[in-house]
Amino acid sequence: MNINDKNKSKDFEFLFNAVLTLETAEDCYSFFEDLCTMQELISIAQRLRVAKLLTEKKIYNDIVKDTGASTATISRVNRTLNYGNGGYTLAFDRMEKNEDKASEE
């Protein structure tokens, strides 16, 4: 499935617009717990953590120990970091900027 599939694009747009309305971590907890199964949330959070560790140049064995992710999952995330759309990097850069702003205040 391609995210740009004409039949699905309205559903994706609706989902992304809903996510963009969330303002706090508490909002996110409520929304995502209603939207996803616990296993889906665990998998999404794990992939995000794996991506962060890969960007920090951690090795696979350490990532497996730290996250419990399989080497196949780590490899898929790594491939996305290298050949994807830059979404992880965009999010991590913005998170870092937000942390920098918060530490300045």
PDB file of N, CA and C in Angstrom:
ATOM      1  N   MET A   1       0.841  -1.177   0.000  1.00  0.00           N
ATOM      2  CA  MET A   1       0.000   0.000   0.000  1.00  0.00           C
ATOM      3  C   MET A   1       0.885   1.238   0.000  1.00  0.00           C
ATOM      4  N   ASN A   2       0.541   2.163  -0.809  1.00  0.00           N
ATOM      5  CA  ASN A   2       1.248   3.435  -0.896  1.00  0.00           C
ATOM      6  C   ASN A   2       0.430   4.497  -0.175  1.00  0.00           C
ATOM      7  N   ILE A   3       1.087   5.312   0.616  1.00  0.00           N
ATOM      8  CA  ILE A   3       0.388   6.346   1.374  1.00  0.00           C
ATOM      9  C   ILE A   3      -0.306   7.341   0.448  1.00  0.00           C
ATOM     10  N   ASN A   4       0.120   7.431  -0.795  1.00  0.00           N
ATOM     11  CA  ASN A   4      -0.491   8.351  -1.746  1.00  0.00           C
ATOM     12  C   ASN A   4      -1.604   7.723  -2.567  1.00  0.00           C
ATOM     13  N   ASP A   5      -1.971   6.482  -2.253  1.00  0.00           N
ATOM     14  CA  ASP A   5      -3.075   5.808  -2.922  1.00  0.00           C
ATOM     15  C   ASP A   5      -4.321   6.699  -2.825  1.00  0.00           C
ATOM     16  N   LYS A   6      -4.930   7.007  -3.963  1.00  0.00           N
ATOM     17  CA  LYS A   6      -6.063   7.936  -3.991  1.00  0.00           C
ATOM     18  C   LYS A   6      -7.199   7.492  -3.078  1.00  0.00           C
ATOM     19  N   ASN A   7      -7.422   6.182  -2.968  1.00  0.00           N
ATOM     20  CA  ASN A   7      -8.505   5.687  -2.124  1.00  0.00           C
ATOM     21  C   ASN A   7      -8.209   5.851  -0.648  1.00  0.00           C
ATOM     22  N   LYS A   8      -6.941   5.914  -0.281  1.00  0.00           N
ATOM     23  CA  LYS A   8      -6.559   6.000   1.125  1.00  0.00           C
ATOM     24  C   LYS A   8      -6.139   7.401   1.543  1.00  0.00           C
ATOM     25  N   SER A   9      -5.804   8.267   0.594  1.00  0.00           N
ATOM     26  CA  SER A   9      -5.225   9.556   0.953  1.00  0.00           C
ATOM     27  C   SER A   9      -6.137  10.381   1.848  1.00  0.00           C
ATOM     28  N   LYS A  10      -7.447  10.325   1.656  1.00  0.00           N
ATOM     29  CA  LYS A  10      -8.371  11.073   2.509  1.00  0.00           C
ATOM     30  C   LYS A  10      -8.345  10.530   3.934  1.00  0.00           C
ATOM     31  N   ASP A  11      -8.236   9.218   4.071  1.00  0.00           N
ATOM     32  CA  ASP A  11      -8.150   8.618   5.404  1.00  0.00           C
ATOM     33  C   ASP A  11      -6.864   9.033   6.109  1.00  0.00           C
ATOM     34  N   PHE A  12      -5.764   9.020   5.382  1.00  0.00           N
ATOM     35  CA  PHE A  12      -4.487   9.447   5.967  1.00  0.00           C
ATOM     36  C   PHE A  12      -4.540  10.915   6.346  1.00  0.00           C
ATOM     37  N   GLU A  13      -5.064  11.732   5.456  1.00  0.00           N
ATOM     38  CA  GLU A  13      -5.156  13.159   5.739  1.00  0.00           C
ATOM     39  C   GLU A  13      -6.007  13.404   6.992  1.00  0.00           C
ATOM     40  N   PHE A  14      -7.115  12.686   7.112  1.00  0.00           N
ATOM     41  CA  PHE A  14      -7.970  12.817   8.293  1.00  0.00           C
ATOM     42  C   PHE A  14      -7.221  12.419   9.561  1.00  0.00           C
ATOM     43  N   LEU A  15      -6.494  11.301   9.496  1.00  0.00           N
ATOM     44  CA  LEU A  15      -5.699  10.844  10.631  1.00  0.00           C
ATOM     45  C   LEU A  15      -4.636  11.876  11.009  1.00  0.00           C
ATOM     46  N   PHE A  16      -3.864  12.330  10.035  1.00  0.00           N
ATOM     47  CA  PHE A  16      -2.781  13.265  10.323  1.00  0.00           C
ATOM     48  C   PHE A  16      -3.320  14.586  10.868  1.00  0.00           C
ATOM     49  N   ASN A  17      -4.444  15.054  10.336  1.00  0.00           N
ATOM     50  CA  ASN A  17      -5.045  16.278  10.865  1.00  0.00           C
ATOM     51  C   ASN A  17      -5.513  16.092  12.301  1.00  0.00           C
ATOM     52  N   ALA A  18      -6.028  14.910  12.619  1.00  0.00           N
ATOM     53  CA  ALA A  18      -6.424  14.634  14.006  1.00  0.00           C
ATOM     54  C   ALA A  18      -5.206  14.665  14.919  1.00  0.00           C
ATOM     55  N   VAL A  19      -4.103  14.047  14.498  1.00  0.00           N
ATOM     56  CA  VAL A  19      -2.880  14.034  15.307  1.00  0.00           C
ATOM     57  C   VAL A  19      -2.375  15.462  15.516  1.00  0.00           C
ATOM     58  N   LEU A  20      -2.466  16.281  14.494  1.00  0.00           N
ATOM     59  CA  LEU A  20      -1.982  17.659  14.599  1.00  0.00           C
ATOM     60  C   LEU A  20      -2.792  18.505  15.580  1.00  0.00           C
ATOM     61  N   THR A  21      -3.985  18.049  15.965  1.00  0.00           N
ATOM     62  CA  THR A  21      -4.777  18.799  16.950  1.00  0.00           C
ATOM     63  C   THR A  21      -4.352  18.507  18.377  1.00  0.00           C
ATOM     64  N   LEU A  22      -3.580  17.454  18.592  1.00  0.00           N
ATOM     65  CA  LEU A  22      -3.174  17.064  19.937  1.00  0.00           C
ATOM     66  C   LEU A  22      -2.154  18.059  20.475  1.00  0.00           C
ATOM     67  N   GLU A  23      -2.365  18.510  21.705  1.00  0.00           N
ATOM     68  CA  GLU A  23      -1.526  19.573  22.250  1.00  0.00           C
ATOM     69  C   GLU A  23      -0.617  19.133  23.386  1.00  0.00           C
ATOM     70  N   THR A  24      -0.955  18.067  24.066  1.00  0.00           N
ATOM     71  CA  THR A  24      -0.162  17.647  25.220  1.00  0.00           C
ATOM     72  C   THR A  24       0.108  16.150  25.149  1.00  0.00           C
ATOM     73  N   ALA A  25       1.060  15.722  25.967  1.00  0.00           N
ATOM     74  CA  ALA A  25       1.335  14.280  26.050  1.00  0.00           C
ATOM     75  C   ALA A  25       0.088  13.544  26.533  1.00  0.00           C
ATOM     76  N   GLU A  26      -0.653  14.154  27.442  1.00  0.00           N
ATOM     77  CA  GLU A  26      -1.892  13.529  27.936  1.00  0.00           C
ATOM     78  C   GLU A  26      -2.898  13.357  26.803  1.00  0.00           C
ATOM     79  N   ASP A  27      -3.008  14.372  25.925  1.00  0.00           N
ATOM     80  CA  ASP A  27      -3.864  14.254  24.740  1.00  0.00           C
ATOM     81  C   ASP A  27      -3.432  13.056  23.899  1.00  0.00           C
ATOM     82  N   CYS A  28      -2.131  12.919  23.713  1.00  0.00           N
ATOM     83  CA  CYS A  28      -1.589  11.826  22.900  1.00  0.00           C
ATOM     84  C   CYS A  28      -1.880  10.471  23.521  1.00  0.00           C
ATOM     85  N   TYR A  29      -1.686  10.360  24.842  1.00  0.00           N
ATOM     86  CA  TYR A  29      -2.010   9.100  25.516  1.00  0.00           C
ATOM     87  C   TYR A  29      -3.461   8.711  25.259  1.00  0.00           C
ATOM     88  N   SER A  30      -4.367   9.647  25.467  1.00  0.00           N
ATOM     89  CA  SER A  30      -5.798   9.359  25.283  1.00  0.00           C
ATOM     90  C   SER A  30      -6.108   8.954  23.849  1.00  0.00           C
ATOM     91  N   PHE A  31      -5.610   9.731  22.910  1.00  0.00           N
ATOM     92  CA  PHE A  31      -5.906   9.482  21.505  1.00  0.00           C
ATOM     93  C   PHE A  31      -5.337   8.153  21.032  1.00  0.00           C
ATOM     94  N   PHE A  32      -4.042   7.937  21.285  1.00  0.00           N
ATOM     95  CA  PHE A  32      -3.400   6.741  20.757  1.00  0.00           C
ATOM     96  C   PHE A  32      -3.855   5.469  21.471  1.00  0.00           C
ATOM     97  N   GLU A  33      -4.206   5.564  22.755  1.00  0.00           N
ATOM     98  CA  GLU A  33      -4.745   4.386  23.436  1.00  0.00           C
ATOM     99  C   GLU A  33      -6.114   4.012  22.874  1.00  0.00           C
ATOM    100  N   ASP A  34      -6.881   5.006  22.429  1.00  0.00           N
ATOM    101  CA  ASP A  34      -8.166   4.716  21.790  1.00  0.00           C
ATOM    102  C   ASP A  34      -7.976   4.213  20.364  1.00  0.00           C
ATOM    103  N   LEU A  35      -6.987   4.743  19.671  1.00  0.00           N
ATOM    104  CA  LEU A  35      -6.787   4.438  18.259  1.00  0.00           C
ATOM    105  C   LEU A  35      -6.105   3.094  18.025  1.00  0.00           C
ATOM    106  N   CYS A  36      -5.103   2.782  18.837  1.00  0.00           N
ATOM    107  CA  CYS A  36      -4.240   1.623  18.594  1.00  0.00           C
ATOM    108  C   CYS A  36      -4.397   0.573  19.691  1.00  0.00           C
ATOM    109  N   THR A  37      -4.056  -0.661  19.333  1.00  0.00           N
ATOM    110  CA  THR A  37      -3.943  -1.687  20.365  1.00  0.00           C
ATOM    111  C   THR A  37      -2.654  -1.434  21.136  1.00  0.00           C
ATOM    112  N   MET A  38      -2.550  -2.015  22.307  1.00  0.00           N
ATOM    113  CA  MET A  38      -1.332  -1.833  23.097  1.00  0.00           C
ATOM    114  C   MET A  38      -0.119  -2.367  22.326  1.00  0.00           C
ATOM    115  N   GLN A  39      -0.266  -3.480  21.620  1.00  0.00           N
ATOM    116  CA  GLN A  39       0.859  -4.029  20.862  1.00  0.00           C
ATOM    117  C   GLN A  39       1.275  -3.094  19.731  1.00  0.00           C
ATOM    118  N   GLU A  40       0.312  -2.459  19.074  1.00  0.00           N
ATOM    119  CA  GLU A  40       0.651  -1.501  18.026  1.00  0.00           C
ATOM    120  C   GLU A  40       1.437  -0.317  18.606  1.00  0.00           C
ATOM    121  N   LEU A  41       0.999   0.178  19.749  1.00  0.00           N
ATOM    122  CA  LEU A  41       1.706   1.289  20.397  1.00  0.00           C
ATOM    123  C   LEU A  41       3.115   0.892  20.813  1.00  0.00           C
ATOM    124  N   ILE A  42       3.237  -0.303  21.362  1.00  0.00           N
ATOM    125  CA  ILE A  42       4.559  -0.793  21.760  1.00  0.00           C
ATOM    126  C   ILE A  42       5.469  -0.874  20.546  1.00  0.00           C
ATOM    127  N   SER A  43       4.959  -1.388  19.441  1.00  0.00           N
ATOM    128  CA  SER A  43       5.762  -1.526  18.216  1.00  0.00           C
ATOM    129  C   SER A  43       6.173  -0.173  17.659  1.00  0.00           C
ATOM    130  N   ILE A  44       5.253   0.768  17.634  1.00  0.00           N
ATOM    131  CA  ILE A  44       5.558   2.103  17.117  1.00  0.00           C
ATOM    132  C   ILE A  44       6.607   2.776  18.001  1.00  0.00           C
ATOM    133  N   ALA A  45       6.404   2.724  19.311  1.00  0.00           N
ATOM    134  CA  ALA A  45       7.352   3.344  20.245  1.00  0.00           C
ATOM    135  C   ALA A  45       8.726   2.687  20.139  1.00  0.00           C
ATOM    136  N   GLN A  46       8.739   1.371  19.979  1.00  0.00           N
ATOM    137  CA  GLN A  46       9.999   0.649  19.858  1.00  0.00           C
ATOM    138  C   GLN A  46      10.749   1.077  18.600  1.00  0.00           C
ATOM    139  N   ARG A  47      10.036   1.182  17.475  1.00  0.00           N
ATOM    140  CA  ARG A  47      10.693   1.596  16.227  1.00  0.00           C
ATOM    141  C   ARG A  47      11.266   3.009  16.346  1.00  0.00           C
ATOM    142  N   LEU A  48      10.540   3.891  17.010  1.00  0.00           N
ATOM    143  CA  LEU A  48      11.032   5.253  17.200  1.00  0.00           C
ATOM    144  C   LEU A  48      12.291   5.259  18.056  1.00  0.00           C
ATOM    145  N   ARG A  49      12.291   4.471  19.118  1.00  0.00           N
ATOM    146  CA  ARG A  49      13.474   4.375  19.991  1.00  0.00           C
ATOM    147  C   ARG A  49      14.656   3.783  19.228  1.00  0.00           C
ATOM    148  N   VAL A  50      14.397   2.754  18.434  1.00  0.00           N
ATOM    149  CA  VAL A  50      15.455   2.147  17.609  1.00  0.00           C
ATOM    150  C   VAL A  50      16.035   3.201  16.665  1.00  0.00           C
ATOM    151  N   ALA A  51      15.179   3.978  16.026  1.00  0.00           N
ATOM    152  CA  ALA A  51      15.657   5.010  15.110  1.00  0.00           C
ATOM    153  C   ALA A  51      16.536   6.017  15.842  1.00  0.00           C
ATOM    154  N   LYS A  52      16.127   6.415  17.029  1.00  0.00           N
ATOM    155  CA  LYS A  52      16.925   7.370  17.796  1.00  0.00           C
ATOM    156  C   LYS A  52      18.298   6.791  18.129  1.00  0.00           C
ATOM    157  N   LEU A  53      18.315   5.535  18.570  1.00  0.00           N
ATOM    158  CA  LEU A  53      19.592   4.897  18.909  1.00  0.00           C
ATOM    159  C   LEU A  53      20.481   4.734  17.682  1.00  0.00           C
ATOM    160  N   LEU A  54      19.894   4.422  16.542  1.00  0.00           N
ATOM    161  CA  LEU A  54      20.683   4.317  15.310  1.00  0.00           C
ATOM    162  C   LEU A  54      21.276   5.670  14.928  1.00  0.00           C
ATOM    163  N   THR A  55      20.510   6.737  15.107  1.00  0.00           N
ATOM    164  CA  THR A  55      21.056   8.061  14.787  1.00  0.00           C
ATOM    165  C   THR A  55      22.161   8.450  15.755  1.00  0.00           C
ATOM    166  N   GLU A  56      22.178   7.831  16.923  1.00  0.00           N
ATOM    167  CA  GLU A  56      23.252   8.054  17.897  1.00  0.00           C
ATOM    168  C   GLU A  56      24.419   7.107  17.669  1.00  0.00           C
ATOM    169  N   LYS A  57      24.366   6.369  16.560  1.00  0.00           N
ATOM    170  CA  LYS A  57      25.439   5.454  16.138  1.00  0.00           C
ATOM    171  C   LYS A  57      25.644   4.267  17.087  1.00  0.00           C
ATOM    172  N   LYS A  58      24.570   3.861  17.760  1.00  0.00           N
ATOM    173  CA  LYS A  58      24.651   2.665  18.611  1.00  0.00           C
ATOM    174  C   LYS A  58      24.710   1.428  17.721  1.00  0.00           C
ATOM    175  N   ILE A  59      25.332   0.373  18.213  1.00  0.00           N
ATOM    176  CA  ILE A  59      25.448  -0.862  17.432  1.00  0.00           C
ATOM    177  C   ILE A  59      24.230  -1.749  17.676  1.00  0.00           C
ATOM    178  N   TYR A  60      23.961  -2.630  16.718  1.00  0.00           N
ATOM    179  CA  TYR A  60      22.778  -3.480  16.765  1.00  0.00           C
ATOM    180  C   TYR A  60      22.660  -4.237  18.086  1.00  0.00           C
ATOM    181  N   ASN A  61      23.753  -4.862  18.542  1.00  0.00           N
ATOM    182  CA  ASN A  61      23.672  -5.657  19.772  1.00  0.00           C
ATOM    183  C   ASN A  61      23.224  -4.823  20.962  1.00  0.00           C
ATOM    184  N   ASP A  62      23.715  -3.600  21.061  1.00  0.00           N
ATOM    185  CA  ASP A  62      23.307  -2.723  22.147  1.00  0.00           C
ATOM    186  C   ASP A  62      21.843  -2.317  22.009  1.00  0.00           C
ATOM    187  N   ILE A  63      21.404  -2.096  20.772  1.00  0.00           N
ATOM    188  CA  ILE A  63      20.008  -1.718  20.535  1.00  0.00           C
ATOM    189  C   ILE A  63      19.077  -2.872  20.892  1.00  0.00           C
ATOM    190  N   VAL A  64      19.462  -4.092  20.528  1.00  0.00           N
ATOM    191  CA  VAL A  64      18.668  -5.278  20.892  1.00  0.00           C
ATOM    192  C   VAL A  64      18.519  -5.348  22.405  1.00  0.00           C
ATOM    193  N   LYS A  65      19.636  -5.187  23.114  1.00  0.00           N
ATOM    194  CA  LYS A  65      19.606  -5.251  24.581  1.00  0.00           C
ATOM    195  C   LYS A  65      18.749  -4.147  25.181  1.00  0.00           C
ATOM    196  N   ASP A  66      18.866  -2.947  24.629  1.00  0.00           N
ATOM    197  CA  ASP A  66      18.178  -1.785  25.181  1.00  0.00           C
ATOM    198  C   ASP A  66      16.682  -1.788  24.886  1.00  0.00           C
ATOM    199  N   THR A  67      16.294  -2.250  23.696  1.00  0.00           N
ATOM    200  CA  THR A  67      14.896  -2.117  23.260  1.00  0.00           C
ATOM    201  C   THR A  67      14.124  -3.426  23.176  1.00  0.00           C
ATOM    202  N   GLY A  68      14.855  -4.533  23.053  1.00  0.00           N
ATOM    203  CA  GLY A  68      14.176  -5.813  22.824  1.00  0.00           C
ATOM    204  C   GLY A  68      13.760  -6.010  21.378  1.00  0.00           C
ATOM    205  N   ALA A  69      14.107  -5.080  20.520  1.00  0.00           N
ATOM    206  CA  ALA A  69      13.756  -5.192  19.103  1.00  0.00           C
ATOM    207  C   ALA A  69      14.587  -6.285  18.443  1.00  0.00           C
ATOM    208  N   SER A  70      14.000  -6.925  17.448  1.00  0.00           N
ATOM    209  CA  SER A  70      14.743  -7.931  16.694  1.00  0.00           C
ATOM    210  C   SER A  70      15.715  -7.237  15.753  1.00  0.00           C
ATOM    211  N   THR A  71      16.723  -7.983  15.322  1.00  0.00           N
ATOM    212  CA  THR A  71      17.665  -7.405  14.364  1.00  0.00           C
ATOM    213  C   THR A  71      16.964  -7.091  13.046  1.00  0.00           C
ATOM    214  N   ALA A  72      15.910  -7.829  12.711  1.00  0.00           N
ATOM    215  CA  ALA A  72      15.142  -7.543  11.491  1.00  0.00           C
ATOM    216  C   ALA A  72      14.456  -6.185  11.605  1.00  0.00           C
ATOM    217  N   THR A  73      13.887  -5.894  12.762  1.00  0.00           N
ATOM    218  CA  THR A  73      13.250  -4.592  12.981  1.00  0.00           C
ATOM    219  C   THR A  73      14.291  -3.483  12.918  1.00  0.00           C
ATOM    220  N   ILE A  74      15.419  -3.696  13.560  1.00  0.00           N
ATOM    221  CA  ILE A  74      16.486  -2.691  13.546  1.00  0.00           C
ATOM    222  C   ILE A  74      16.943  -2.443  12.114  1.00  0.00           C
ATOM    223  N   SER A  75      17.092  -3.499  11.341  1.00  0.00           N
ATOM    224  CA  SER A  75      17.514  -3.375   9.952  1.00  0.00           C
ATOM    225  C   SER A  75      16.489  -2.588   9.129  1.00  0.00           C
ATOM    226  N   ARG A  76      15.198  -2.881   9.336  1.00  0.00           N
ATOM    227  CA  ARG A  76      14.150  -2.153   8.600  1.00  0.00           C
ATOM    228  C   ARG A  76      14.173  -0.668   8.959  1.00  0.00           C
ATOM    229  N   VAL A  77      14.298  -0.364  10.244  1.00  0.00           N
ATOM    230  CA  VAL A  77      14.350   1.034  10.672  1.00  0.00           C
ATOM    231  C   VAL A  77      15.591   1.712  10.093  1.00  0.00           C
ATOM    232  N   ASN A  78      16.707   1.021  10.108  1.00  0.00           N
ATOM    233  CA  ASN A  78      17.943   1.571   9.549  1.00  0.00           C
ATOM    234  C   ASN A  78      17.784   1.878   8.064  1.00  0.00           C
ATOM    235  N   ARG A  79      17.137   0.973   7.358  1.00  0.00           N
ATOM    236  CA  ARG A  79      16.896   1.182   5.918  1.00  0.00           C
ATOM    237  C   ARG A  79      16.022   2.425   5.715  1.00  0.00           C
ATOM    238  N   THR A  80      15.027   2.596   6.570  1.00  0.00           N
ATOM    239  CA  THR A  80      14.163   3.771   6.474  1.00  0.00           C
ATOM    240  C   THR A  80      14.940   5.046   6.774  1.00  0.00           C
ATOM    241  N   LEU A  81      15.816   4.990   7.766  1.00  0.00           N
ATOM    242  CA  LEU A  81      16.648   6.160   8.075  1.00  0.00           C
ATOM    243  C   LEU A  81      17.517   6.541   6.884  1.00  0.00           C
ATOM    244  N   ASN A  82      18.031   5.545   6.189  1.00  0.00           N
ATOM    245  CA  ASN A  82      18.949   5.793   5.078  1.00  0.00           C
ATOM    246  C   ASN A  82      18.254   6.112   3.760  1.00  0.00           C
ATOM    247  N   TYR A  83      17.078   5.521   3.526  1.00  0.00           N
ATOM    248  CA  TYR A  83      16.444   5.651   2.215  1.00  0.00           C
ATOM    249  C   TYR A  83      14.999   6.125   2.277  1.00  0.00           C
ATOM    250  N   GLY A  84      14.534   6.492   3.458  1.00  0.00           N
ATOM    251  CA  GLY A  84      13.141   6.913   3.615  1.00  0.00           C
ATOM    252  C   GLY A  84      12.940   8.380   3.277  1.00  0.00           C
ATOM    253  N   ASN A  85      11.911   8.944   3.862  1.00  0.00           N
ATOM    254  CA  ASN A  85      11.504  10.319   3.565  1.00  0.00           C
ATOM    255  C   ASN A  85      12.043  11.351   4.545  1.00  0.00           C
ATOM    256  N   GLY A  86      12.858  10.920   5.508  1.00  0.00           N
ATOM    257  CA  GLY A  86      13.435  11.861   6.455  1.00  0.00           C
ATOM    258  C   GLY A  86      12.539  12.210   7.629  1.00  0.00           C
ATOM    259  N   GLY A  87      11.482  11.458   7.801  1.00  0.00           N
ATOM    260  CA  GLY A  87      10.533  11.756   8.875  1.00  0.00           C
ATOM    261  C   GLY A  87      11.116  11.620  10.265  1.00  0.00           C
ATOM    262  N   TYR A  88      11.901  10.585  10.480  1.00  0.00           N
ATOM    263  CA  TYR A  88      12.531  10.421  11.798  1.00  0.00           C
ATOM    264  C   TYR A  88      13.446  11.609  12.097  1.00  0.00           C
ATOM    265  N   THR A  89      14.277  11.960  11.134  1.00  0.00           N
ATOM    266  CA  THR A  89      15.225  13.053  11.323  1.00  0.00           C
ATOM    267  C   THR A  89      14.493  14.361  11.586  1.00  0.00           C
ATOM    268  N   LEU A  90      13.436  14.598  10.855  1.00  0.00           N
ATOM    269  CA  LEU A  90      12.631  15.802  11.051  1.00  0.00           C
ATOM    270  C   LEU A  90      12.111  15.866  12.487  1.00  0.00           C
ATOM    271  N   ALA A  91      11.544  14.773  12.950  1.00  0.00           N
ATOM    272  CA  ALA A  91      10.996  14.731  14.309  1.00  0.00           C
ATOM    273  C   ALA A  91      12.093  14.890  15.350  1.00  0.00           C
ATOM    274  N   PHE A  92      13.200  14.185  15.181  1.00  0.00           N
ATOM    275  CA  PHE A  92      14.293  14.271  16.166  1.00  0.00           C
ATOM    276  C   PHE A  92      14.886  15.681  16.212  1.00  0.00           C
ATOM    277  N   ASP A  93      15.047  16.301  15.049  1.00  0.00           N
ATOM    278  CA  ASP A  93      15.580  17.667  15.010  1.00  0.00           C
ATOM    279  C   ASP A  93      14.642  18.628  15.736  1.00  0.00           C
ATOM    280  N   ARG A  94      13.352  18.481  15.511  1.00  0.00           N
ATOM    281  CA  ARG A  94      12.387  19.371  16.171  1.00  0.00           C
ATOM    282  C   ARG A  94      12.321  19.104  17.667  1.00  0.00           C
ATOM    283  N   MET A  95      12.420  17.845  18.047  1.00  0.00           N
ATOM    284  CA  MET A  95      12.431  17.523  19.479  1.00  0.00           C
ATOM    285  C   MET A  95      13.645  18.157  20.156  1.00  0.00           C
ATOM    286  N   GLU A  96      14.781  18.085  19.481  1.00  0.00           N
ATOM    287  CA  GLU A  96      16.014  18.673  20.030  1.00  0.00           C
ATOM    288  C   GLU A  96      15.875  20.188  20.164  1.00  0.00           C
ATOM    289  N   LYS A  97      15.302  20.832  19.154  1.00  0.00           N
ATOM    290  CA  LYS A  97      15.085  22.287  19.211  1.00  0.00           C
ATOM    291  C   LYS A  97      14.164  22.645  20.381  1.00  0.00           C
ATOM    292  N   ASN A  98      13.119  21.842  20.577  1.00  0.00           N
ATOM    293  CA  ASN A  98      12.197  22.092  21.688  1.00  0.00           C
ATOM    294  C   ASN A  98      12.894  21.924  23.032  1.00  0.00           C
ATOM    295  N   GLU A  99      13.772  20.925  23.134  1.00  0.00           N
ATOM    296  CA  GLU A  99      14.542  20.711  24.373  1.00  0.00           C
ATOM    297  C   GLU A  99      15.492  21.884  24.621  1.00  0.00           C
ATOM    298  N   ASP A 100      16.125  22.376  23.552  1.00  0.00           N
ATOM    299  CA  ASP A 100      17.028  23.513  23.665  1.00  0.00           C
ATOM    300  C   ASP A 100      16.277  24.750  24.144  1.00  0.00           C
ATOM    301  N   LYS A 101      15.087  24.992  23.569  1.00  0.00           N
ATOM    302  CA  LYS A 101      14.277  26.136  23.989  1.00  0.00           C
ATOM    303  C   LYS A 101      13.888  26.023  25.459  1.00  0.00           C
ATOM    304  N   ALA A 102      13.487  24.821  25.859  1.00  0.00           N
ATOM    305  CA  ALA A 102      13.060  24.603  27.245  1.00  0.00           C
ATOM    306  C   ALA A 102      14.223  24.816  28.220  1.00  0.00           C
ATOM    307  N   SER A 103      15.416  24.436  27.832  1.00  0.00           N
ATOM    308  CA  SER A 103      16.575  24.593  28.728  1.00  0.00           C
ATOM    309  C   SER A 103      17.013  26.049  28.817  1.00  0.00           C
ATOM    310  N   GLU A 104      16.688  26.857  27.809  1.00  0.00           N
ATOM    311  CA  GLU A 104      17.028  28.271  27.821  1.00  0.00           C
ATOM    312  C   GLU A 104      16.091  29.079  28.717  1.00  0.00           C
ATOM    313  N   GLU A 105      14.893  28.548  28.938  1.00  0.00           N
ATOM    314  CA  GLU A 105      13.891  29.305  29.710  1.00  0.00           C
ATOM    315  C   GLU A 105      14.111  29.214  31.183  1.00  0.00           C
TER     316      GLU A 105
END
